[in-house]
Amino acid sequence: MGRQKERTNRNGLGHPAPWILLVLLCLSPTLCAQTPLPESTVSISAKRRSIPQILDDMSLQTGYDFTYNSALISPEERINFTVRDMPLSLALDSLLQDPDLEYRTIGRNIVIVPVRRIPAGPALPSSSLRILGGQVVDARNGKPLEFATLALDRSPLGTITNQNGEFVLKIPASLPQPVLIVSYMGYKSHYLPLPDSLEGDLTIELDRETISLQEVVIRFTDPETIWKQCLERLPENYLDESAAMTAFYRESVRRNASCMMYSEAVLDVAKSPYGSVLESDRVRIRKGRKISDISAEDTVLVKLRSGIHTSLDLDIVKNRPDFLDEDFPYRYDLEFTDIVSYNDRLVYVIGFHQKEHIDDLLFQGSLYIDQQSLAIVAADFEFNPEILREKPEFFLVSGSPRIRIRPLYARYHAEYKPLGDRYHISQVRAEIALKIRRKRDWIGAGYGLSIEMAVTDVHPGQKMDISGPERVRPNSVLADTEFRFDPEFWGIFNTIEPEASLRESIDRIRHNLQEIQP
């Protein structure tokens, strides 16, 4: 059995604090240690077929997709290959006949990568980095995919795309043969082996995942039953130990289309276990910077208060809002709205909105629940905009009788990623829109407040000591802290790439500051 032709060459919350826009953009990559290949066997009888075609046959028999760099496997060469009931690992060895290749199982994918050989001589410093940038788009129409998750296999490092689908990822040179995993709700995950020569900008296209009816098994016909089962499984589905995290945080205030204030920081986060009600999360600023348009000081002054601190509260599994309380059926109506794919797993989408007879300000939105584990993998929710607009004081800490405020919307997003068989917060965003006018003015201005925080590094089981003087306090205002502006400021830390419009706003503010300085 085996190949019959020798080859010689292959080149191929209760509510969140109402005065703050909280976005926890927690990017935590999926940590996948190398796992053995599945115990499947394959039977192949191929004559004059290419290796990619034979791999496709193996994929049909095993249910696993194969991912590899096209330079590793020639699509042109035709071979004869026959095996019968052979274990998959042996069949791959027999097919590829290359001891310099290894296989990694990541979810339902088998990634073929070259074995990394460490050359003789002095080792490279661990701080050596290569920078990979580009854009994540829809493969069908080229539309940028905002806030897509990028993770490095076998590494706690990662980032997310900005609102233009753009990203920059700093990869340690010491990371052996990294594989980039790109995920987005409703799309097939993309697995990209990163050879040493791959640098610079690239475009990553994601395909929408079509869910066939044969794949869908509805275990419960009642969405309320699934919701209750989801709540019961929270203790077993999320991290039950402390974790040390590094996060990137940014916040902004816009007046109409102009950015008035912009702040960003790298944070240390001491994450407490999800099951602990006595321990709270703690955070400190490692380094940060801010810039503000002082020419806008003659307009209404809008600030974000407690952004960093309350961003942690948007981890809705740990700090449950009322739609995750056990008595949610008394306040909310639920309905199935969709079944989508995320991280190559089926996910229920259940919509919720407050009951018609309730006049209080509650939420509406969608909860994304993994079909197998019934874990919450994401949530999109907002305050009921019809009621919110009638509560002008809801986001106001202090104000002036000379101004009138009308809230337009307050939207939030929380996302979770697996870490072994448990989940942790991965991504949170929020946006608040206000209409503000002076008492005697006919026309007001639109203000947008936003916060994003991304966990770019996570180490479960590690307790981080954040002492009292270092700890960010609940009443802190990041925009009031003086940070210097330096293009090389972030060094080795992964960040969220600023959008083009934001870069233009920052450049304009810097230009204004230079003009007024003596």
Protein backbone atom coordinates (compact mmCIF):
# COMPACT_ATOMS: atom_id res chain seq x y z
CA MET A 1 0.00 0.00 0.00
CA GLY A 2 1.05 3.62 -0.39
CA ARG A 3 2.25 5.74 -3.21
CA GLN A 4 3.21 4.02 -6.41
CA LYS A 5 5.27 6.84 -7.84
CA GLU A 6 8.31 8.45 -6.33
CA ARG A 7 8.38 12.22 -6.26
CA THR A 8 11.66 14.08 -6.26
CA ASN A 9 10.54 17.68 -5.89
CA ARG A 10 7.50 19.65 -4.64
CA ASN A 11 7.38 23.40 -5.10
CA GLY A 12 4.10 23.96 -4.87
CA LEU A 13 -25.16 43.79 34.20
CA GLY A 14 -27.62 45.05 36.04
CA HIS A 15 -27.37 47.89 33.56
CA PRO A 16 -23.96 49.21 32.61
CA ALA A 17 -23.08 52.52 34.24
CA PRO A 18 -25.44 54.79 32.27
CA TRP A 19 -23.03 57.70 31.85
CA ILE A 20 -20.43 55.70 30.03
CA LEU A 21 -20.07 54.07 26.71
CA LEU A 22 -18.44 50.81 27.52
CA VAL A 23 -16.85 48.59 24.97
CA LEU A 24 -14.75 45.68 26.15
CA LEU A 25 -13.10 44.59 22.97
CA CYS A 26 -11.54 41.56 24.44
CA LEU A 27 -9.63 39.70 21.93
CA SER A 28 -8.49 36.50 23.26
CA PRO A 29 -7.36 33.98 20.70
CA THR A 30 -8.34 30.37 20.87
CA LEU A 31 -5.56 28.44 22.54
CA CYS A 32 -5.12 25.14 20.75
CA ALA A 33 -2.30 22.92 21.87
CA GLN A 34 -1.16 20.47 19.25
CA THR A 35 -3.48 17.49 19.31
CA PRO A 36 -3.13 14.07 17.70
CA LEU A 37 -4.84 13.48 14.41
CA PRO A 38 -8.32 11.96 14.59
CA GLU A 39 -8.45 8.18 14.74
CA SER A 40 -10.29 7.99 11.41
CA THR A 41 -9.23 5.54 8.73
CA VAL A 42 -9.30 6.19 5.01
CA SER A 43 -9.54 4.04 1.90
CA ILE A 44 -8.30 5.61 -1.33
CA SER A 45 -7.79 4.18 -4.80
CA ALA A 46 -6.55 7.00 -7.01
CA LYS A 47 -4.92 6.89 -10.43
CA ARG A 48 -3.22 9.90 -11.89
CA ARG A 49 -4.75 12.36 -9.46
CA SER A 50 -3.19 15.39 -7.80
CA ILE A 51 -2.36 15.46 -4.10
CA PRO A 52 -4.95 18.23 -3.41
CA GLN A 53 -7.60 16.01 -5.03
CA ILE A 54 -6.60 13.07 -2.83
CA LEU A 55 -6.71 15.31 0.24
CA ASP A 56 -10.24 16.29 -0.79
CA ASP A 57 -11.19 12.61 -0.81
CA MET A 58 -9.73 12.20 2.67
CA SER A 59 -11.70 15.23 3.78
CA LEU A 60 -14.97 13.69 2.59
CA GLN A 61 -14.24 10.45 4.47
CA THR A 62 -13.08 12.02 7.74
CA GLY A 63 -15.08 15.25 7.96
CA TYR A 64 -11.87 17.27 8.45
CA ASP A 65 -10.73 20.03 6.09
CA PHE A 66 -7.06 20.27 5.09
CA THR A 67 -5.28 23.64 5.09
CA TYR A 68 -1.78 24.26 3.75
CA ASN A 69 0.37 26.78 1.93
CA SER A 70 0.10 26.17 -1.81
CA ALA A 71 3.91 26.32 -2.08
CA LEU A 72 4.14 23.09 -0.09
CA ILE A 73 2.02 20.89 -2.34
CA SER A 74 2.08 20.95 -6.12
CA PRO A 75 -1.39 20.93 -7.73
CA GLU A 76 0.08 19.83 -11.08
CA GLU A 77 1.77 16.52 -10.28
CA ARG A 78 -0.34 13.41 -10.89
CA ILE A 79 0.28 10.25 -8.87
CA ASN A 80 -1.17 6.83 -8.15
CA PHE A 81 -2.15 6.29 -4.52
CA THR A 82 -3.89 3.31 -2.93
CA VAL A 83 -4.60 2.62 0.74
CA ARG A 84 -7.25 0.53 2.47
CA ASP A 85 -8.53 1.18 6.01
CA MET A 86 -5.31 2.99 6.90
CA PRO A 87 -5.14 5.34 9.91
CA LEU A 88 -5.25 8.94 8.75
CA SER A 89 -1.82 9.87 10.13
CA LEU A 90 -0.12 7.00 8.30
CA ALA A 91 -2.05 7.75 5.12
CA LEU A 92 -0.86 11.36 5.19
CA ASP A 93 2.74 10.29 5.77
CA SER A 94 2.47 7.87 2.87
CA LEU A 95 0.89 10.48 0.61
CA LEU A 96 3.20 13.41 1.37
CA GLN A 97 6.44 11.50 2.05
CA ASP A 98 8.10 14.49 3.65
CA PRO A 99 9.54 14.27 7.18
CA ASP A 100 9.79 18.07 7.24
CA LEU A 101 6.01 18.44 7.41
CA GLU A 102 3.85 18.23 10.51
CA TYR A 103 0.10 18.21 11.09
CA ARG A 104 -1.95 20.26 13.53
CA THR A 105 -5.57 19.57 14.39
CA ILE A 106 -7.48 22.82 15.00
CA GLY A 107 -11.19 22.28 15.43
CA ARG A 108 -12.39 20.46 12.32
CA ASN A 109 -9.27 21.43 10.37
CA ILE A 110 -5.94 19.72 9.84
CA VAL A 111 -3.23 22.27 9.04
CA ILE A 112 -0.12 21.05 7.20
CA VAL A 113 2.96 23.12 8.03
CA PRO A 114 6.72 22.66 7.67
CA VAL A 115 8.65 21.65 10.76
CA ARG A 116 10.56 24.69 11.98
CA ARG A 117 14.30 24.04 12.12
CA ILE A 118 16.27 26.20 14.56
CA PRO A 119 19.50 27.21 12.82
CA ALA A 120 22.83 26.88 14.59
CA GLY A 121 24.27 30.05 16.04
CA PRO A 122 23.08 32.71 18.48
CA ALA A 123 19.36 32.79 19.12
CA LEU A 124 17.29 35.76 18.04
CA PRO A 125 16.16 37.99 20.89
CA SER A 126 12.66 37.15 22.10
CA SER A 127 11.60 40.73 21.40
CA SER A 128 12.22 40.32 17.66
CA LEU A 129 8.96 40.86 15.83
CA ARG A 130 7.57 40.71 12.37
CA ILE A 131 4.54 42.79 11.55
CA LEU A 132 1.66 41.40 9.54
CA GLY A 133 -1.07 43.76 8.35
CA GLY A 134 -3.96 43.80 5.97
CA GLN A 135 -7.73 43.60 5.73
CA VAL A 136 -10.41 40.96 6.30
CA VAL A 137 -13.24 41.06 3.76
CA ASP A 138 -16.27 39.12 2.58
CA ALA A 139 -15.10 36.79 -0.21
CA ARG A 140 -18.24 37.37 -2.27
CA ASN A 141 -18.57 41.14 -2.32
CA GLY A 142 -15.30 42.46 -0.85
CA LYS A 143 -17.09 44.19 2.03
CA PRO A 144 -14.75 44.83 4.98
CA LEU A 145 -15.58 42.74 8.05
CA GLU A 146 -15.34 44.91 11.15
CA PHE A 147 -14.18 43.50 14.48
CA ALA A 148 -13.22 40.11 13.07
CA THR A 149 -11.08 38.08 15.47
CA LEU A 150 -7.50 37.13 14.56
CA ALA A 151 -5.72 34.58 16.76
CA LEU A 152 -2.40 32.76 16.60
CA ASP A 153 -2.61 29.02 17.16
CA ARG A 154 -0.51 27.78 20.11
CA SER A 155 -0.23 31.35 21.35
CA PRO A 156 -2.27 33.62 23.63
CA LEU A 157 -1.70 36.53 21.21
CA GLY A 158 -4.16 38.08 18.82
CA THR A 159 -6.02 41.19 17.71
CA ILE A 160 -9.18 42.29 15.93
CA THR A 161 -9.97 44.29 12.84
CA ASN A 162 -11.17 47.89 13.03
CA GLN A 163 -14.34 49.26 11.46
CA ASN A 164 -12.65 49.18 8.04
CA GLY A 165 -11.71 45.50 8.44
CA GLU A 166 -8.03 46.47 8.82
CA PHE A 167 -5.57 44.94 11.26
CA VAL A 168 -1.93 44.94 12.31
CA LEU A 169 -0.56 41.92 14.16
CA LYS A 170 2.87 41.74 15.78
CA ILE A 171 4.24 38.19 15.76
CA PRO A 172 7.21 37.14 17.92
CA ALA A 173 10.02 35.66 15.86
CA SER A 174 10.33 32.94 18.49
CA LEU A 175 6.85 31.56 17.74
CA PRO A 176 7.38 28.35 15.74
CA GLN A 177 5.51 28.11 12.44
CA PRO A 178 2.48 30.20 13.45
CA VAL A 179 -0.97 29.53 12.04
CA LEU A 180 -3.34 32.51 11.87
CA ILE A 181 -7.00 31.79 12.68
CA VAL A 182 -9.54 34.36 11.49
CA SER A 183 -13.12 34.11 12.80
CA TYR A 184 -16.32 36.04 12.18
CA MET A 185 -19.92 35.30 13.10
CA GLY A 186 -21.75 33.58 10.23
CA TYR A 187 -18.55 32.84 8.26
CA LYS A 188 -16.25 29.85 7.91
CA SER A 189 -13.09 30.28 9.94
CA HIS A 190 -9.97 30.85 7.87
CA TYR A 191 -6.69 29.10 8.71
CA LEU A 192 -3.52 30.62 7.28
CA PRO A 193 -0.06 29.11 7.88
CA LEU A 194 2.44 31.97 8.14
CA PRO A 195 5.80 31.18 6.56
CA ASP A 196 8.79 33.28 7.62
CA SER A 197 8.72 35.09 4.29
CA LEU A 198 5.12 36.31 4.68
CA GLU A 199 5.09 39.94 5.81
CA GLY A 200 3.40 43.17 4.88
CA ASP A 201 -0.23 43.68 3.84
CA LEU A 202 -2.54 40.93 2.71
CA THR A 203 -6.25 40.50 2.06
CA ILE A 204 -7.99 37.66 3.87
CA GLU A 205 -11.29 36.61 2.31
CA LEU A 206 -13.88 34.83 4.45
CA ASP A 207 -16.68 32.72 3.00
CA ARG A 208 -20.19 32.79 4.40
CA GLU A 209 -21.16 29.50 6.01
CA THR A 210 -24.31 27.98 4.58
CA ILE A 211 -26.07 25.80 7.14
CA SER A 212 -27.89 22.84 5.58
CA LEU A 213 -31.03 21.52 7.25
CA GLN A 214 -29.36 18.13 7.63
CA GLU A 215 -26.75 19.69 9.95
CA VAL A 216 -29.30 21.32 12.21
CA VAL A 217 -30.58 19.33 15.16
CA ILE A 218 -32.95 21.36 17.32
CA ARG A 219 -32.71 19.81 20.75
CA PHE A 220 -35.47 22.03 22.12
CA THR A 221 -38.27 23.68 20.19
CA ASP A 222 -38.82 26.33 22.85
CA PRO A 223 -36.21 29.15 22.93
CA GLU A 224 -37.04 29.78 26.60
CA THR A 225 -35.94 26.22 27.42
CA ILE A 226 -32.60 26.73 25.64
CA TRP A 227 -32.14 30.06 27.45
CA LYS A 228 -32.74 28.40 30.84
CA GLN A 229 -30.39 25.52 30.04
CA CYS A 230 -27.78 28.09 28.99
CA LEU A 231 -28.05 29.85 32.37
CA GLU A 232 -27.76 26.54 34.24
CA ARG A 233 -24.53 25.71 32.42
CA LEU A 234 -22.77 29.03 33.02
CA PRO A 235 -20.70 27.63 35.95
CA GLU A 236 -19.31 24.79 33.83
CA ASN A 237 -18.83 26.73 30.60
CA TYR A 238 -16.60 29.63 31.78
CA LEU A 239 -13.20 29.94 33.42
CA ASP A 240 -13.24 28.85 37.07
CA GLU A 241 -9.77 30.24 37.84
CA SER A 242 -8.04 33.59 37.88
CA ALA A 243 -6.35 34.85 34.72
CA ALA A 244 -3.77 37.52 33.90
CA MET A 245 -4.67 39.49 30.80
CA THR A 246 -3.19 42.23 28.67
CA ALA A 247 -5.78 44.42 26.97
CA PHE A 248 -5.82 47.29 24.51
CA TYR A 249 -8.38 49.98 25.26
CA ARG A 250 -9.53 53.02 23.36
CA GLU A 251 -12.28 55.59 23.76
CA SER A 252 -13.42 58.57 21.71
CA VAL A 253 -15.89 61.43 21.67
CA ARG A 254 -17.08 62.77 18.34
CA ARG A 255 -19.03 65.89 17.53
CA ASN A 256 -20.86 65.30 14.26
CA ALA A 257 -18.10 63.89 12.03
CA SER A 258 -15.18 65.38 13.96
CA CYS A 259 -13.23 63.68 16.73
CA MET A 260 -13.00 65.87 19.84
CA MET A 261 -11.15 63.50 22.17
CA TYR A 262 -9.33 60.25 21.63
CA SER A 263 -7.57 58.16 24.29
CA GLU A 264 -6.00 54.72 24.21
CA ALA A 265 -4.02 52.56 26.59
CA VAL A 266 -2.50 49.14 27.19
CA LEU A 267 -3.92 47.65 30.38
CA ASP A 268 -3.09 44.88 32.82
CA VAL A 269 -6.26 43.07 33.87
CA ALA A 270 -6.43 40.77 36.88
CA LYS A 271 -9.44 38.66 35.90
CA SER A 272 -11.23 36.92 38.77
CA PRO A 273 -12.90 33.50 38.35
CA TYR A 274 -16.33 33.59 36.75
CA GLY A 275 -17.86 31.68 39.64
CA SER A 276 -16.60 34.10 42.29
CA VAL A 277 -19.11 36.68 43.51
CA LEU A 278 -16.73 38.09 46.13
CA GLU A 279 -13.74 38.85 43.87
CA SER A 280 -13.89 41.71 41.39
CA ASP A 281 -11.74 42.30 38.32
CA ARG A 282 -8.90 44.79 38.74
CA VAL A 283 -7.13 46.84 36.11
CA ARG A 284 -4.15 49.19 35.86
CA ILE A 285 -2.78 51.31 33.04
CA ARG A 286 0.56 50.07 31.74
CA LYS A 287 0.97 52.86 29.21
CA GLY A 288 -1.33 55.14 27.29
CA ARG A 289 -1.81 58.39 25.41
CA LYS A 290 -4.54 60.85 24.54
CA ILE A 291 -5.17 63.74 22.23
CA SER A 292 -7.97 66.33 22.26
CA ASP A 293 -9.15 69.10 19.96
CA ILE A 294 -8.94 72.19 22.17
CA SER A 295 -10.58 74.20 19.40
CA ALA A 296 -13.78 72.39 20.36
CA GLU A 297 -13.75 73.72 23.93
CA ASP A 298 -16.25 76.40 22.98
CA THR A 299 -18.82 73.68 22.27
CA VAL A 300 -20.58 71.41 24.72
CA LEU A 301 -17.98 69.45 26.66
CA VAL A 302 -18.69 65.73 26.68
CA LYS A 303 -16.49 63.28 28.59
CA LEU A 304 -16.48 59.58 29.15
CA ARG A 305 -16.37 58.72 32.83
CA SER A 306 -15.26 55.37 34.26
CA GLY A 307 -14.68 53.89 30.82
CA ILE A 308 -11.90 51.53 31.77
CA HIS A 309 -13.44 50.39 35.02
CA THR A 310 -16.96 49.81 33.79
CA SER A 311 -15.79 48.13 30.60
CA LEU A 312 -15.15 45.08 32.75
CA ASP A 313 -18.80 45.17 33.80
CA LEU A 314 -19.84 44.41 30.24
CA ASP A 315 -18.63 40.87 30.70
CA ILE A 316 -22.29 39.90 30.90
CA VAL A 317 -21.62 36.35 32.07
CA LYS A 318 -19.83 37.60 35.18
CA ASN A 319 -21.96 40.73 35.66
CA ARG A 320 -25.34 39.57 34.52
CA PRO A 321 -27.84 42.08 33.12
CA ASP A 322 -31.53 41.50 33.74
CA PHE A 323 -31.99 39.41 30.59
CA LEU A 324 -29.64 36.82 32.14
CA ASP A 325 -31.41 36.73 35.49
CA GLU A 326 -33.35 33.57 36.32
CA ASP A 327 -36.63 35.49 36.26
CA PHE A 328 -36.09 36.79 32.70
CA PRO A 329 -39.39 35.19 31.45
CA TYR A 330 -41.32 37.81 33.44
CA ARG A 331 -39.68 40.66 31.53
CA TYR A 332 -38.69 39.37 28.09
CA ASP A 333 -40.21 37.59 25.10
CA LEU A 334 -37.86 35.29 23.14
CA GLU A 335 -37.84 33.92 19.59
CA PHE A 336 -35.55 31.89 17.33
CA THR A 337 -34.18 34.16 14.62
CA ASP A 338 -31.38 32.17 12.95
CA ILE A 339 -28.76 29.42 13.13
CA VAL A 340 -25.25 30.52 12.09
CA SER A 341 -21.68 29.24 12.17
CA TYR A 342 -18.98 30.62 14.46
CA ASN A 343 -15.56 29.07 14.96
CA ASP A 344 -16.85 26.23 12.75
CA ARG A 345 -19.61 25.37 15.23
CA LEU A 346 -23.37 25.80 14.95
CA VAL A 347 -24.83 28.64 17.01
CA TYR A 348 -28.45 29.40 17.90
CA VAL A 349 -29.47 33.04 17.51
CA ILE A 350 -32.29 33.94 19.91
CA GLY A 351 -33.83 37.40 19.82
CA PHE A 352 -35.27 39.05 22.91
CA HIS A 353 -37.30 42.18 23.67
CA GLN A 354 -39.17 43.46 26.67
CA LYS A 355 -42.81 42.53 27.13
CA GLU A 356 -45.32 45.09 25.89
CA HIS A 357 -46.88 45.76 29.29
CA ILE A 358 -43.53 46.81 30.84
CA ASP A 359 -42.81 50.54 30.76
CA ASP A 360 -39.36 50.42 32.38
CA LEU A 361 -36.24 50.93 30.27
CA LEU A 362 -34.99 47.43 29.41
CA PHE A 363 -32.86 45.83 26.70
CA GLN A 364 -33.52 44.24 23.34
CA GLY A 365 -31.18 42.27 21.11
CA SER A 366 -29.86 38.81 20.24
CA LEU A 367 -28.04 36.13 22.17
CA TYR A 368 -25.74 33.67 20.36
CA ILE A 369 -25.66 30.23 22.03
CA ASP A 370 -23.39 27.34 21.00
CA GLN A 371 -25.56 24.41 19.96
CA GLN A 372 -23.41 21.74 21.64
CA SER A 373 -22.24 23.34 24.90
CA LEU A 374 -25.10 25.87 25.21
CA ALA A 375 -22.46 28.48 26.10
CA ILE A 376 -23.05 32.14 25.30
CA VAL A 377 -20.54 32.98 22.56
CA ALA A 378 -21.81 36.50 21.81
CA ALA A 379 -24.52 39.02 22.56
CA ASP A 380 -25.75 42.11 20.71
CA PHE A 381 -28.03 44.25 22.83
CA GLU A 382 -29.20 47.82 23.31
CA PHE A 383 -31.49 49.84 25.52
CA ASN A 384 -34.99 50.03 24.05
CA PRO A 385 -34.51 53.17 21.90
CA GLU A 386 -38.17 54.22 22.05
CA ILE A 387 -38.07 54.47 25.85
CA LEU A 388 -34.47 55.68 26.01
CA ARG A 389 -35.26 58.82 24.00
CA GLU A 390 -37.73 59.84 26.68
CA LYS A 391 -35.06 59.74 29.40
CA PRO A 392 -32.65 62.63 28.73
CA GLU A 393 -31.05 62.32 32.17
CA PHE A 394 -30.07 58.68 31.76
CA PHE A 395 -26.48 59.29 30.59
CA LEU A 396 -25.94 62.56 32.46
CA VAL A 397 -23.62 62.78 35.47
CA SER A 398 -23.56 66.56 35.61
CA GLY A 399 -24.82 69.16 33.22
CA SER A 400 -26.10 72.66 32.68
CA PRO A 401 -29.69 73.93 32.58
CA ARG A 402 -28.69 75.73 29.40
CA ILE A 403 -28.40 72.53 27.34
CA ARG A 404 -30.91 69.93 26.20
CA ILE A 405 -29.91 66.29 25.73
CA ARG A 406 -31.77 63.60 23.77
CA PRO A 407 -30.30 60.07 23.79
CA LEU A 408 -30.64 58.34 20.42
CA TYR A 409 -29.27 54.87 21.15
CA ALA A 410 -26.95 52.88 23.40
CA ARG A 411 -25.67 49.67 21.78
CA TYR A 412 -23.40 46.96 23.20
CA HIS A 413 -21.65 43.84 21.98
CA ALA A 414 -19.96 41.13 24.05
CA GLU A 415 -18.14 38.12 22.62
CA TYR A 416 -16.50 35.05 24.16
CA LYS A 417 -13.78 32.64 23.02
CA PRO A 418 -12.97 29.09 24.09
CA LEU A 419 -9.92 28.32 26.18
CA GLY A 420 -9.75 24.54 26.27
CA ASP A 421 -13.27 23.47 27.26
CA ARG A 422 -14.07 26.80 28.98
CA TYR A 423 -14.90 30.26 27.64
CA HIS A 424 -13.76 33.75 28.61
CA ILE A 425 -14.58 37.29 27.49
CA SER A 426 -13.15 38.01 24.08
CA GLN A 427 -14.68 41.14 22.64
CA VAL A 428 -16.95 43.92 23.86
CA ARG A 429 -18.00 47.12 22.18
CA ALA A 430 -20.48 49.89 22.89
CA GLU A 431 -21.68 53.08 21.26
CA ILE A 432 -23.86 55.89 22.58
CA ALA A 433 -25.36 58.57 20.35
CA LEU A 434 -26.75 61.82 21.76
CA LYS A 435 -28.35 64.91 20.30
CA ILE A 436 -27.31 68.01 22.28
CA ARG A 437 -28.34 71.63 21.74
CA ARG A 438 -28.13 74.85 23.68
CA LYS A 439 -31.39 76.07 25.12
CA ARG A 440 -31.75 79.01 22.73
CA ASP A 441 -30.43 77.24 19.62
CA TRP A 442 -32.75 75.78 17.00
CA ILE A 443 -30.31 73.16 15.76
CA GLY A 444 -28.19 70.91 17.95
CA ALA A 445 -25.15 68.76 17.27
CA GLY A 446 -24.84 65.01 17.24
CA TYR A 447 -22.37 63.46 19.68
CA GLY A 448 -21.04 59.92 19.59
CA LEU A 449 -19.25 58.25 22.50
CA SER A 450 -17.46 54.96 22.05
CA ILE A 451 -15.20 52.62 23.98
CA GLU A 452 -13.43 49.46 22.85
CA MET A 453 -11.18 47.13 24.78
CA ALA A 454 -9.42 44.06 23.41
CA VAL A 455 -7.66 41.36 25.40
CA THR A 456 -4.60 40.63 23.31
CA ASP A 457 -2.90 38.21 25.70
CA VAL A 458 -4.36 35.88 28.35
CA HIS A 459 -2.74 33.49 30.84
CA PRO A 460 -5.24 31.36 32.78
CA GLY A 461 -4.28 30.23 36.27
CA GLN A 462 -2.06 33.27 36.90
CA LYS A 463 -2.97 35.76 39.62
CA MET A 464 -1.90 39.32 38.91
CA ASP A 465 -1.21 41.57 41.87
CA ILE A 466 -2.60 45.05 41.27
CA SER A 467 -2.13 47.12 44.40
CA GLY A 468 -4.34 49.97 45.58
CA PRO A 469 -2.34 52.94 44.21
CA GLU A 470 -2.06 51.31 40.76
CA ARG A 471 -5.68 50.27 40.45
CA VAL A 472 -7.93 52.26 38.12
CA ARG A 473 -10.70 53.78 40.22
CA PRO A 474 -14.41 53.77 39.29
CA ASN A 475 -14.54 57.55 38.90
CA SER A 476 -11.46 57.82 36.69
CA VAL A 477 -11.58 59.81 33.44
CA LEU A 478 -8.91 58.66 31.01
CA ALA A 479 -9.22 61.85 28.97
CA ASP A 480 -8.10 63.84 32.04
CA THR A 481 -4.79 61.94 32.22
CA GLU A 482 -1.89 63.46 30.32
CA PHE A 483 -0.27 60.97 27.95
CA ARG A 484 2.40 61.74 25.42
CA PHE A 485 1.89 61.09 21.71
CA ASP A 486 4.58 59.00 20.03
CA PRO A 487 4.24 57.09 16.72
CA GLU A 488 6.38 54.25 18.12
CA PHE A 489 4.65 54.37 21.46
CA TRP A 490 3.22 50.84 21.63
CA GLY A 491 6.38 48.87 20.93
CA ILE A 492 5.71 45.12 21.14
CA PHE A 493 2.04 45.42 22.16
CA ASN A 494 -0.77 44.47 19.80
CA THR A 495 -3.37 47.19 19.32
CA ILE A 496 -6.49 47.97 17.33
CA GLU A 497 -5.58 49.72 14.10
CA PRO A 498 -7.20 53.20 13.86
CA GLU A 499 -9.72 53.61 11.06
CA ALA A 500 -8.90 55.92 8.16
CA SER A 501 -11.37 58.57 9.33
CA LEU A 502 -9.96 58.40 12.85
CA ARG A 503 -6.39 58.77 11.57
CA GLU A 504 -7.48 61.86 9.64
CA SER A 505 -9.12 63.32 12.74
CA ILE A 506 -6.01 62.71 14.84
CA ASP A 507 -3.80 64.29 12.19
CA ARG A 508 -6.09 67.33 12.09
CA ILE A 509 -6.03 67.70 15.88
CA ARG A 510 -2.24 67.44 15.93
CA HIS A 511 -2.05 70.10 13.21
CA ASN A 512 -4.32 72.40 15.24
CA LEU A 513 -2.20 71.90 18.34
CA GLN A 514 0.99 72.71 16.47
CA GLU A 515 -0.52 75.95 15.12
CA ILE A 516 -1.48 77.32 18.55
CA GLN A 517 1.72 76.34 20.33
CA PRO A 518 4.24 79.21 20.67
